[in-house]
Amino acid sequence: MSIEVGSVVEGVVTGITNFGAFVELPGGKVGLIHISEVADVYVRDVKDFLKEQDRVKVKILTVDERGKIGLSIKQLTEPKPKKNFTTDNRRPSKVNTLSFEDKLSKFLKESDDRLTDLRKNTESKRGGRGATRKAE
């Protein structure tokens, strides 16, 4: 079996480092699964996902002129669908029924209310002891 970019082969994990895992492929060749290609989720430690002597299916990503082979497990799994903002639980979906003029008037009213509150709070702090001084 020849090693070609895009093919899927089975191999055995021979070593684990903090940046990935080495896999022995058929024919005695060794390739590297970079930590970013181990799983679809964030991988802090490769040892949480793989251990030595594990048999894994990998996709061959690259083969360079020096014979280095780049592998991926992540690209064999189905990609998770992206969440749509309208179906995302963090953001409620609601149809916007306000016109631009309604939004503008609402904004101006809220802005005036905030400015009024701000003025009240700052004026009460300027008074000192509560009475104005008489010039002597």
C-alpha atoms as a PDB file:
ATOM      1  CA  MET A   1       0.000   0.000   0.000  1.00  0.00           C
ATOM      2  CA  SER A   2       1.519   3.315  -1.056  1.00  0.00           C
ATOM      3  CA  ILE A   3       1.358   6.454   1.041  1.00  0.00           C
ATOM      4  CA  GLU A   4      -0.604   9.076  -0.926  1.00  0.00           C
ATOM      5  CA  VAL A   5      -2.062  12.396   0.171  1.00  0.00           C
ATOM      6  CA  GLY A   6      -5.786  12.025   0.848  1.00  0.00           C
ATOM      7  CA  SER A   7      -5.740   8.282   1.493  1.00  0.00           C
ATOM      8  CA  VAL A   8      -6.991   6.744   4.733  1.00  0.00           C
ATOM      9  CA  VAL A   9      -4.820   4.138   6.420  1.00  0.00           C
ATOM     10  CA  GLU A  10      -4.632   2.357   9.752  1.00  0.00           C
ATOM     11  CA  GLY A  11      -1.570   2.611  11.942  1.00  0.00           C
ATOM     12  CA  VAL A  12      -0.257   2.122  15.455  1.00  0.00           C
ATOM     13  CA  VAL A  13       0.635   4.947  17.833  1.00  0.00           C
ATOM     14  CA  THR A  14       4.331   4.584  18.632  1.00  0.00           C
ATOM     15  CA  GLY A  15       5.013   7.730  20.595  1.00  0.00           C
ATOM     16  CA  ILE A  16       3.260  10.698  22.172  1.00  0.00           C
ATOM     17  CA  THR A  17       4.740  14.165  22.648  1.00  0.00           C
ATOM     18  CA  ASN A  18       3.293  17.431  23.884  1.00  0.00           C
ATOM     19  CA  PHE A  19       2.801  18.548  20.250  1.00  0.00           C
ATOM     20  CA  GLY A  20       1.261  15.385  18.789  1.00  0.00           C
ATOM     21  CA  ALA A  21       1.526  11.637  18.289  1.00  0.00           C
ATOM     22  CA  PHE A  22       3.720   9.507  16.030  1.00  0.00           C
ATOM     23  CA  VAL A  23       1.998   6.724  14.140  1.00  0.00           C
ATOM     24  CA  GLU A  24       3.655   3.795  12.376  1.00  0.00           C
ATOM     25  CA  LEU A  25       1.954   3.271   9.029  1.00  0.00           C
ATOM     26  CA  PRO A  26       1.932   0.186   6.795  1.00  0.00           C
ATOM     27  CA  GLY A  27       5.326  -0.307   5.181  1.00  0.00           C
ATOM     28  CA  GLY A  28       7.210   0.867   8.267  1.00  0.00           C
ATOM     29  CA  LYS A  29       6.806   4.589   7.559  1.00  0.00           C
ATOM     30  CA  VAL A  30       6.124   6.924  10.507  1.00  0.00           C
ATOM     31  CA  GLY A  31       3.889   9.989  10.390  1.00  0.00           C
ATOM     32  CA  LEU A  32       2.881  12.687  12.862  1.00  0.00           C
ATOM     33  CA  ILE A  33      -0.610  13.633  13.984  1.00  0.00           C
ATOM     34  CA  HIS A  34      -0.231  17.226  15.137  1.00  0.00           C
ATOM     35  CA  ILE A  35      -2.132  18.088  18.336  1.00  0.00           C
ATOM     36  CA  SER A  36      -4.483  20.293  16.297  1.00  0.00           C
ATOM     37  CA  GLU A  37      -5.466  17.293  14.153  1.00  0.00           C
ATOM     38  CA  VAL A  38      -6.220  14.842  17.001  1.00  0.00           C
ATOM     39  CA  ALA A  39      -9.861  15.771  17.693  1.00  0.00           C
ATOM     40  CA  ASP A  40     -12.653  18.181  16.804  1.00  0.00           C
ATOM     41  CA  VAL A  41     -12.498  19.699  20.289  1.00  0.00           C
ATOM     42  CA  TYR A  42      -9.706  21.605  22.043  1.00  0.00           C
ATOM     43  CA  VAL A  43      -6.900  19.192  22.954  1.00  0.00           C
ATOM     44  CA  ARG A  44      -4.850  20.248  25.967  1.00  0.00           C
ATOM     45  CA  ASP A  45      -3.014  16.936  26.282  1.00  0.00           C
ATOM     46  CA  VAL A  46      -2.731  14.334  23.520  1.00  0.00           C
ATOM     47  CA  LYS A  47      -2.642  11.599  26.184  1.00  0.00           C
ATOM     48  CA  ASP A  48      -6.289  12.369  26.979  1.00  0.00           C
ATOM     49  CA  PHE A  49      -7.198  11.061  23.504  1.00  0.00           C
ATOM     50  CA  LEU A  50      -4.484   8.580  22.507  1.00  0.00           C
ATOM     51  CA  LYS A  51      -2.069   6.165  24.130  1.00  0.00           C
ATOM     52  CA  GLU A  52       0.840   4.156  22.790  1.00  0.00           C
ATOM     53  CA  GLN A  53      -0.054   0.958  20.924  1.00  0.00           C
ATOM     54  CA  ASP A  54      -3.523   2.302  20.002  1.00  0.00           C
ATOM     55  CA  ARG A  55      -4.649   1.321  16.502  1.00  0.00           C
ATOM     56  CA  VAL A  56      -5.978   4.410  14.746  1.00  0.00           C
ATOM     57  CA  LYS A  57      -7.350   5.293  11.326  1.00  0.00           C
ATOM     58  CA  VAL A  58      -5.704   8.402   9.938  1.00  0.00           C
ATOM     59  CA  LYS A  59      -5.957  10.532   6.838  1.00  0.00           C
ATOM     60  CA  ILE A  60      -2.706  11.463   5.116  1.00  0.00           C
ATOM     61  CA  LEU A  61      -2.542  15.243   4.787  1.00  0.00           C
ATOM     62  CA  THR A  62       0.962  15.891   3.526  1.00  0.00           C
ATOM     63  CA  VAL A  63       4.095  14.125   2.378  1.00  0.00           C
ATOM     64  CA  ASP A  64       7.037  16.476   1.919  1.00  0.00           C
ATOM     65  CA  GLU A  65      10.252  15.996  -0.045  1.00  0.00           C
ATOM     66  CA  ARG A  66      12.156  14.894   3.076  1.00  0.00           C
ATOM     67  CA  GLY A  67       9.635  12.114   3.683  1.00  0.00           C
ATOM     68  CA  LYS A  68       7.780  13.720   6.610  1.00  0.00           C
ATOM     69  CA  ILE A  69       4.161  12.597   6.703  1.00  0.00           C
ATOM     70  CA  GLY A  70       1.403  14.757   8.190  1.00  0.00           C
ATOM     71  CA  LEU A  71      -1.631  12.881   9.491  1.00  0.00           C
ATOM     72  CA  SER A  72      -5.087  13.717  10.824  1.00  0.00           C
ATOM     73  CA  ILE A  73      -7.759  11.929  12.831  1.00  0.00           C
ATOM     74  CA  LYS A  74      -9.933  15.045  13.028  1.00  0.00           C
ATOM     75  CA  GLN A  75     -10.539  15.177   9.276  1.00  0.00           C
ATOM     76  CA  LEU A  76     -11.984  11.652   9.298  1.00  0.00           C
ATOM     77  CA  THR A  77     -14.828  12.605  11.616  1.00  0.00           C
ATOM     78  CA  GLU A  78     -17.938  14.376  10.362  1.00  0.00           C
ATOM     79  CA  PRO A  79     -17.710  18.123  11.019  1.00  0.00           C
ATOM     80  CA  LYS A  80     -20.180  19.422  13.566  1.00  0.00           C
ATOM     81  CA  PRO A  81     -22.737  21.789  12.053  1.00  0.00           C
ATOM     82  CA  LYS A  82     -22.189  25.428  12.908  1.00  0.00           C
ATOM     83  CA  LYS A  83     -24.772  26.881  15.261  1.00  0.00           C
ATOM     84  CA  ASN A  84     -27.092  29.409  13.748  1.00  0.00           C
ATOM     85  CA  PHE A  85     -27.765  32.487  15.852  1.00  0.00           C
ATOM     86  CA  THR A  86     -31.507  31.984  15.517  1.00  0.00           C
ATOM     87  CA  THR A  87     -31.285  28.442  16.927  1.00  0.00           C
ATOM     88  CA  ASP A  88     -28.537  29.163  19.452  1.00  0.00           C
ATOM     89  CA  ASN A  89     -29.732  28.885  23.061  1.00  0.00           C
ATOM     90  CA  ARG A  90     -27.601  31.817  24.179  1.00  0.00           C
ATOM     91  CA  ARG A  91     -29.413  34.260  21.951  1.00  0.00           C
ATOM     92  CA  PRO A  92     -33.190  34.166  21.742  1.00  0.00           C
ATOM     93  CA  SER A  93     -34.646  34.395  18.298  1.00  0.00           C
ATOM     94  CA  LYS A  94     -37.277  37.064  17.977  1.00  0.00           C
ATOM     95  CA  VAL A  95     -38.630  38.802  14.975  1.00  0.00           C
ATOM     96  CA  ASN A  96     -37.819  42.495  14.958  1.00  0.00           C
ATOM     97  CA  THR A  97     -41.103  44.372  14.536  1.00  0.00           C
ATOM     98  CA  LEU A  98     -39.977  47.911  15.443  1.00  0.00           C
ATOM     99  CA  SER A  99     -39.440  50.393  12.647  1.00  0.00           C
ATOM    100  CA  PHE A 100     -36.373  52.600  12.522  1.00  0.00           C
ATOM    101  CA  GLU A 101     -38.336  55.606  13.803  1.00  0.00           C
ATOM    102  CA  ASP A 102     -39.672  53.553  16.746  1.00  0.00           C
ATOM    103  CA  LYS A 103     -36.167  52.381  17.602  1.00  0.00           C
ATOM    104  CA  LEU A 104     -34.842  55.935  17.385  1.00  0.00           C
ATOM    105  CA  SER A 105     -37.543  57.385  19.629  1.00  0.00           C
ATOM    106  CA  LYS A 106     -37.030  54.570  22.147  1.00  0.00           C
ATOM    107  CA  PHE A 107     -33.285  55.216  22.152  1.00  0.00           C
ATOM    108  CA  LEU A 108     -33.752  58.979  22.640  1.00  0.00           C
ATOM    109  CA  LYS A 109     -36.189  58.459  25.522  1.00  0.00           C
ATOM    110  CA  GLU A 110     -33.838  55.988  27.272  1.00  0.00           C
ATOM    111  CA  SER A 111     -30.912  58.327  26.674  1.00  0.00           C
ATOM    112  CA  ASP A 112     -32.791  61.290  28.199  1.00  0.00           C
ATOM    113  CA  ASP A 113     -33.754  59.170  31.210  1.00  0.00           C
ATOM    114  CA  ARG A 114     -30.126  58.167  31.748  1.00  0.00           C
ATOM    115  CA  LEU A 115     -28.898  61.753  31.462  1.00  0.00           C
ATOM    116  CA  THR A 116     -31.533  62.915  33.957  1.00  0.00           C
ATOM    117  CA  ASP A 117     -30.467  60.233  36.447  1.00  0.00           C
ATOM    118  CA  LEU A 118     -26.815  61.146  35.943  1.00  0.00           C
ATOM    119  CA  ARG A 119     -27.477  64.847  36.546  1.00  0.00           C
ATOM    120  CA  LYS A 120     -29.434  64.106  39.737  1.00  0.00           C
ATOM    121  CA  ASN A 121     -26.639  61.936  41.084  1.00  0.00           C
ATOM    122  CA  THR A 122     -23.856  64.408  40.294  1.00  0.00           C
ATOM    123  CA  GLU A 123     -25.736  67.483  41.584  1.00  0.00           C
ATOM    124  CA  SER A 124     -26.379  65.827  44.933  1.00  0.00           C
ATOM    125  CA  LYS A 125     -22.644  65.151  45.316  1.00  0.00           C
ATOM    126  CA  ARG A 126     -21.597  68.748  44.649  1.00  0.00           C
ATOM    127  CA  GLY A 127     -23.482  70.250  47.583  1.00  0.00           C
ATOM    128  CA  GLY A 128     -20.830  69.706  50.231  1.00  0.00           C
ATOM    129  CA  ARG A 129     -22.534  70.163  53.628  1.00  0.00           C
ATOM    130  CA  GLY A 130     -25.894  71.064  52.178  1.00  0.00           C
ATOM    131  CA  ALA A 131     -25.925  74.860  52.558  1.00  0.00           C
ATOM    132  CA  THR A 132     -24.525  77.534  50.313  1.00  0.00           C
ATOM    133  CA  ARG A 133     -21.857  79.813  51.767  1.00  0.00           C
ATOM    134  CA  LYS A 134     -22.347  83.488  52.267  1.00  0.00           C
ATOM    135  CA  ALA A 135     -19.576  85.780  51.206  1.00  0.00           C
ATOM    136  CA  GLU A 136     -18.098  87.644  54.180  1.00  0.00           C
END
